[in-house]
Amino acid sequence: MKKIFIFLSIMLIGAIITGCKTKELTRDTNETETTNSMVEETNYTQSQIDENKIIPKNIRREERGRSISDYSELPFSNKKKEIDEIQSLIVYESSGFKGPESNADFVVDFKSRMMYLDPFAIENYEPDWKLEENDVLFLKGLIEKYNIQDWESKYGKRTEQTKEEGVATADGVGYHWMVILVDTDETISKHEGYMTTEQFDNFHQELMDFREEQREKWRATIEE
């Protein structure tokens, strides 16, 4: 009887130890999954060029609306619109691989005052950033300053580029830029080029300078 009691006691102690280990392993696994989830949801990362600089890291959000490609497929406007009738500005520019520090696209919705800090041509991404009213006025002012609606629909000729000729872009074209103005009636004014033009280069540079100013404000909210 004594031997049976000792045997049962040993079995009970073993079961308790095993249970504790399993519980600890489960807790560690859950903590790891939570940590990984938080990492995946972080919308910023460290710059590979400047380790002290934070840059946006896009997060896929399919439910957020149209992609740049979707916008380009909207029907064309048959007349020049007033500046207040323009609700979105989309700019795409590519001359090779698009990475976190080489993405030169620009997307802003004037109605919601939201701009994407790291947009891509395929679909919309986080992080987004809410602009002040004077920022919206500044961007609309750039559209008027450069007379975007008066530009030609196309500049240069599309040429395919192979890997042997250089680094091909996502659509296989060596250099390509596009400016889309989306009107409140869901029509667009679309202008694109396969060559550099002074008017686009200057307009695009002002947009990139503006985007960097907004990124600096965004960084300040992260570093606080």
Protein backbone atom coordinates (compact mmCIF):
# COMPACT_ATOMS: atom_id res chain seq x y z
CA MET A 1 0.00 0.00 0.00
CA LYS A 2 2.86 2.31 0.88
CA LYS A 3 4.54 1.62 -2.48
CA ILE A 4 1.31 2.44 -4.34
CA PHE A 5 0.99 5.73 -2.43
CA ILE A 6 4.59 6.68 -3.26
CA PHE A 7 4.04 5.76 -6.94
CA LEU A 8 0.86 7.88 -7.18
CA SER A 9 2.61 10.81 -5.48
CA ILE A 10 5.45 10.67 -8.00
CA MET A 11 2.97 10.56 -10.89
CA LEU A 12 1.07 13.56 -9.46
CA ILE A 13 4.24 15.63 -9.01
CA GLY A 14 5.32 14.77 -12.58
CA ALA A 15 1.96 15.86 -13.96
CA ILE A 16 2.17 19.19 -12.07
CA ILE A 17 5.70 19.88 -13.40
CA THR A 18 4.67 19.01 -16.97
CA GLY A 19 1.63 21.26 -16.70
CA CYS A 20 3.72 24.18 -15.49
CA LYS A 21 6.20 23.73 -18.35
CA THR A 22 3.38 23.58 -20.91
CA LYS A 23 1.79 26.71 -19.46
CA GLU A 24 5.13 28.54 -19.55
CA LEU A 25 5.76 27.43 -23.15
CA THR A 26 2.28 28.59 -24.18
CA ARG A 27 2.82 31.97 -22.52
CA ASP A 28 6.19 32.38 -24.25
CA THR A 29 4.65 31.42 -27.60
CA ASN A 30 1.79 33.89 -27.14
CA GLU A 31 4.22 36.65 -26.17
CA THR A 32 6.33 35.89 -29.26
CA GLU A 33 3.26 35.97 -31.51
CA THR A 34 2.14 39.26 -29.97
CA THR A 35 5.61 40.76 -30.45
CA ASN A 36 5.75 39.58 -34.07
CA SER A 37 2.29 40.99 -34.70
CA MET A 38 3.36 44.36 -33.30
CA VAL A 39 6.45 44.33 -35.53
CA GLU A 40 4.36 43.55 -38.60
CA GLU A 41 2.01 46.43 -37.83
CA THR A 42 4.75 49.00 -37.27
CA ASN A 43 4.47 51.55 -40.08
CA TYR A 44 8.04 52.82 -39.86
CA THR A 45 11.58 51.49 -40.03
CA GLN A 46 15.17 52.74 -39.83
CA SER A 47 16.79 54.18 -42.92
CA GLN A 48 19.50 52.01 -44.46
CA ILE A 49 21.30 55.16 -45.57
CA ASP A 50 21.04 57.11 -42.32
CA GLU A 51 20.52 54.89 -39.25
CA ASN A 52 19.37 57.87 -37.20
CA LYS A 53 16.50 58.58 -39.57
CA ILE A 54 13.05 57.01 -39.45
CA ILE A 55 11.31 56.37 -42.78
CA PRO A 56 7.75 55.20 -43.53
CA LYS A 57 7.22 51.49 -44.04
CA ASN A 58 4.10 50.72 -46.04
CA ILE A 59 1.48 48.34 -44.67
CA ARG A 60 -0.98 46.76 -47.03
CA ARG A 61 -4.54 47.96 -46.48
CA GLU A 62 -6.71 46.67 -49.33
CA GLU A 63 -9.88 48.14 -47.85
CA ARG A 64 -8.53 51.68 -48.08
CA GLY A 65 -9.74 52.32 -51.61
CA ARG A 66 -8.42 52.66 -55.14
CA SER A 67 -4.88 52.06 -56.23
CA ILE A 68 -2.98 54.41 -58.52
CA SER A 69 -3.70 51.95 -61.33
CA ASP A 70 -7.42 52.07 -60.55
CA TYR A 71 -7.42 55.86 -60.74
CA SER A 72 -5.84 55.80 -64.20
CA GLU A 73 -8.73 53.69 -65.52
CA LEU A 74 -11.43 56.23 -64.62
CA PRO A 75 -13.14 58.00 -67.57
CA PHE A 76 -11.46 61.13 -68.92
CA SER A 77 -12.89 64.58 -68.28
CA ASN A 78 -14.10 66.41 -71.40
CA LYS A 79 -13.35 69.87 -70.06
CA LYS A 80 -10.98 71.79 -67.83
CA LYS A 81 -12.15 71.80 -64.22
CA GLU A 82 -12.06 74.50 -61.58
CA ILE A 83 -9.42 73.90 -58.91
CA ASP A 84 -12.08 73.23 -56.24
CA GLU A 85 -13.52 70.46 -58.42
CA ILE A 86 -10.28 68.49 -58.15
CA GLN A 87 -10.48 66.07 -55.24
CA SER A 88 -7.29 64.00 -55.63
CA LEU A 89 -3.75 64.34 -56.95
CA ILE A 90 -1.81 61.22 -57.90
CA VAL A 91 1.76 61.31 -59.17
CA TYR A 92 3.73 58.26 -60.26
CA GLU A 93 7.40 58.30 -61.18
CA SER A 94 9.68 55.38 -61.85
CA SER A 95 13.10 54.84 -63.35
CA GLY A 96 13.97 51.54 -61.71
CA PHE A 97 13.51 49.61 -58.47
CA LYS A 98 11.15 51.17 -55.94
CA GLY A 99 12.36 50.74 -52.38
CA PRO A 100 11.43 52.52 -49.14
CA GLU A 101 13.98 55.25 -49.84
CA SER A 102 13.54 55.49 -53.60
CA ASN A 103 9.76 55.71 -53.87
CA ALA A 104 8.94 59.03 -55.55
CA ASP A 105 5.16 58.60 -55.87
CA PHE A 106 2.74 61.10 -54.36
CA VAL A 107 -0.94 60.55 -53.44
CA VAL A 108 -3.23 63.00 -51.68
CA ASP A 109 -7.00 63.26 -51.26
CA PHE A 110 -8.08 66.89 -50.87
CA LYS A 111 -11.54 66.06 -49.52
CA SER A 112 -10.26 64.04 -46.55
CA ARG A 113 -6.93 65.96 -46.46
CA MET A 114 -5.11 62.61 -46.28
CA MET A 115 -1.82 61.93 -48.04
CA TYR A 116 0.13 58.68 -48.12
CA LEU A 117 3.69 58.91 -46.88
CA ASP A 118 4.89 55.90 -48.88
CA PRO A 119 2.37 55.13 -51.66
CA PHE A 120 2.91 52.49 -54.31
CA ALA A 121 1.41 52.10 -57.76
CA ILE A 122 -0.19 48.72 -57.09
CA GLU A 123 -2.48 49.74 -54.22
CA ASN A 124 -2.82 52.12 -51.30
CA TYR A 125 -0.80 51.72 -48.16
CA GLU A 126 -0.29 53.08 -44.69
CA PRO A 127 1.02 55.20 -43.18
CA ASP A 128 -1.23 58.08 -44.11
CA TRP A 129 -1.04 61.60 -42.76
CA LYS A 130 -3.68 64.28 -42.28
CA LEU A 131 -2.78 67.64 -43.79
CA GLU A 132 -3.70 71.08 -42.55
CA GLU A 133 -6.04 73.20 -44.65
CA ASN A 134 -3.20 75.50 -45.70
CA ASP A 135 -1.27 72.44 -46.94
CA VAL A 136 -4.18 71.55 -49.22
CA LEU A 137 -4.26 75.12 -50.52
CA PHE A 138 -0.51 74.95 -51.19
CA LEU A 139 -0.87 71.75 -53.24
CA LYS A 140 -3.79 73.15 -55.21
CA GLY A 141 -1.66 76.22 -55.80
CA LEU A 142 1.06 74.01 -57.34
CA ILE A 143 -1.49 72.51 -59.74
CA GLU A 144 -2.39 76.03 -60.87
CA LYS A 145 1.20 77.27 -60.87
CA TYR A 146 2.32 74.56 -63.29
CA ASN A 147 -0.94 74.58 -65.31
CA ILE A 148 -1.20 70.80 -65.05
CA GLN A 149 -4.51 70.61 -66.89
CA ASP A 150 -2.94 72.31 -69.92
CA TRP A 151 -0.17 69.72 -70.29
CA GLU A 152 -0.11 67.32 -73.20
CA SER A 153 -1.58 63.89 -72.54
CA LYS A 154 1.71 62.19 -73.43
CA TYR A 155 5.39 63.13 -73.75
CA GLY A 156 7.88 60.88 -75.49
CA LYS A 157 7.40 57.32 -76.65
CA ARG A 158 6.99 54.21 -74.56
CA THR A 159 9.97 51.91 -75.00
CA GLU A 160 10.32 48.47 -73.48
CA GLN A 161 13.46 47.78 -71.50
CA THR A 162 15.01 44.36 -70.99
CA LYS A 163 17.19 43.24 -68.10
CA GLU A 164 20.17 43.24 -70.45
CA GLU A 165 19.60 46.93 -71.21
CA GLY A 166 19.29 47.97 -67.58
CA VAL A 167 17.14 47.67 -64.50
CA ALA A 168 13.56 47.32 -65.71
CA THR A 169 10.65 48.87 -63.83
CA ALA A 170 7.55 47.02 -62.69
CA ASP A 171 5.82 47.65 -66.03
CA GLY A 172 8.96 46.96 -68.09
CA VAL A 173 9.45 50.60 -69.10
CA GLY A 174 12.79 52.33 -68.57
CA TYR A 175 11.43 55.69 -67.40
CA HIS A 176 7.83 56.66 -66.86
CA TRP A 177 5.96 59.39 -65.01
CA MET A 178 2.26 60.09 -64.67
CA VAL A 179 0.12 62.85 -63.15
CA ILE A 180 -3.58 62.20 -62.54
CA LEU A 181 -6.09 64.78 -61.33
CA VAL A 182 -9.31 63.17 -60.10
CA ASP A 183 -12.41 65.37 -60.25
CA THR A 184 -15.42 65.29 -57.96
CA ASP A 185 -17.49 63.75 -60.80
CA GLU A 186 -15.12 60.75 -60.90
CA THR A 187 -13.46 61.77 -64.16
CA ILE A 188 -9.75 62.39 -64.59
CA SER A 189 -7.18 64.55 -66.30
CA LYS A 190 -4.20 62.31 -67.06
CA HIS A 191 -0.74 63.34 -68.26
CA GLU A 192 2.25 61.04 -68.64
CA GLY A 193 5.71 60.92 -70.11
CA TYR A 194 8.51 58.57 -71.09
CA MET A 195 11.09 61.33 -71.08
CA THR A 196 12.09 64.05 -68.66
CA THR A 197 10.44 67.46 -69.03
CA GLU A 198 11.33 70.62 -67.16
CA GLN A 199 7.74 71.28 -66.09
CA PHE A 200 7.28 67.81 -64.61
CA ASP A 201 10.71 67.76 -62.99
CA ASN A 202 10.10 71.10 -61.25
CA PHE A 203 6.56 70.18 -60.20
CA HIS A 204 7.68 66.80 -58.91
CA GLN A 205 10.59 68.28 -56.97
CA GLU A 206 8.27 70.68 -55.15
CA LEU A 207 6.01 67.74 -54.26
CA MET A 208 8.96 65.74 -52.91
CA ASP A 209 10.11 68.71 -50.83
CA PHE A 210 6.58 69.06 -49.46
CA ARG A 211 6.38 65.33 -48.73
CA GLU A 212 9.64 65.43 -46.79
CA GLU A 213 8.33 68.34 -44.70
CA GLN A 214 5.24 66.28 -43.85
CA ARG A 215 7.38 63.24 -43.07
CA GLU A 216 9.37 65.32 -40.61
CA LYS A 217 6.14 66.22 -38.80
CA TRP A 218 5.14 62.54 -38.83
CA ARG A 219 8.52 61.50 -37.43
CA ALA A 220 8.09 63.91 -34.55
CA THR A 221 4.91 62.07 -33.48
CA ILE A 222 6.80 58.76 -33.43
CA GLU A 223 9.84 60.03 -31.56
CA GLU A 224 7.81 61.72 -28.80
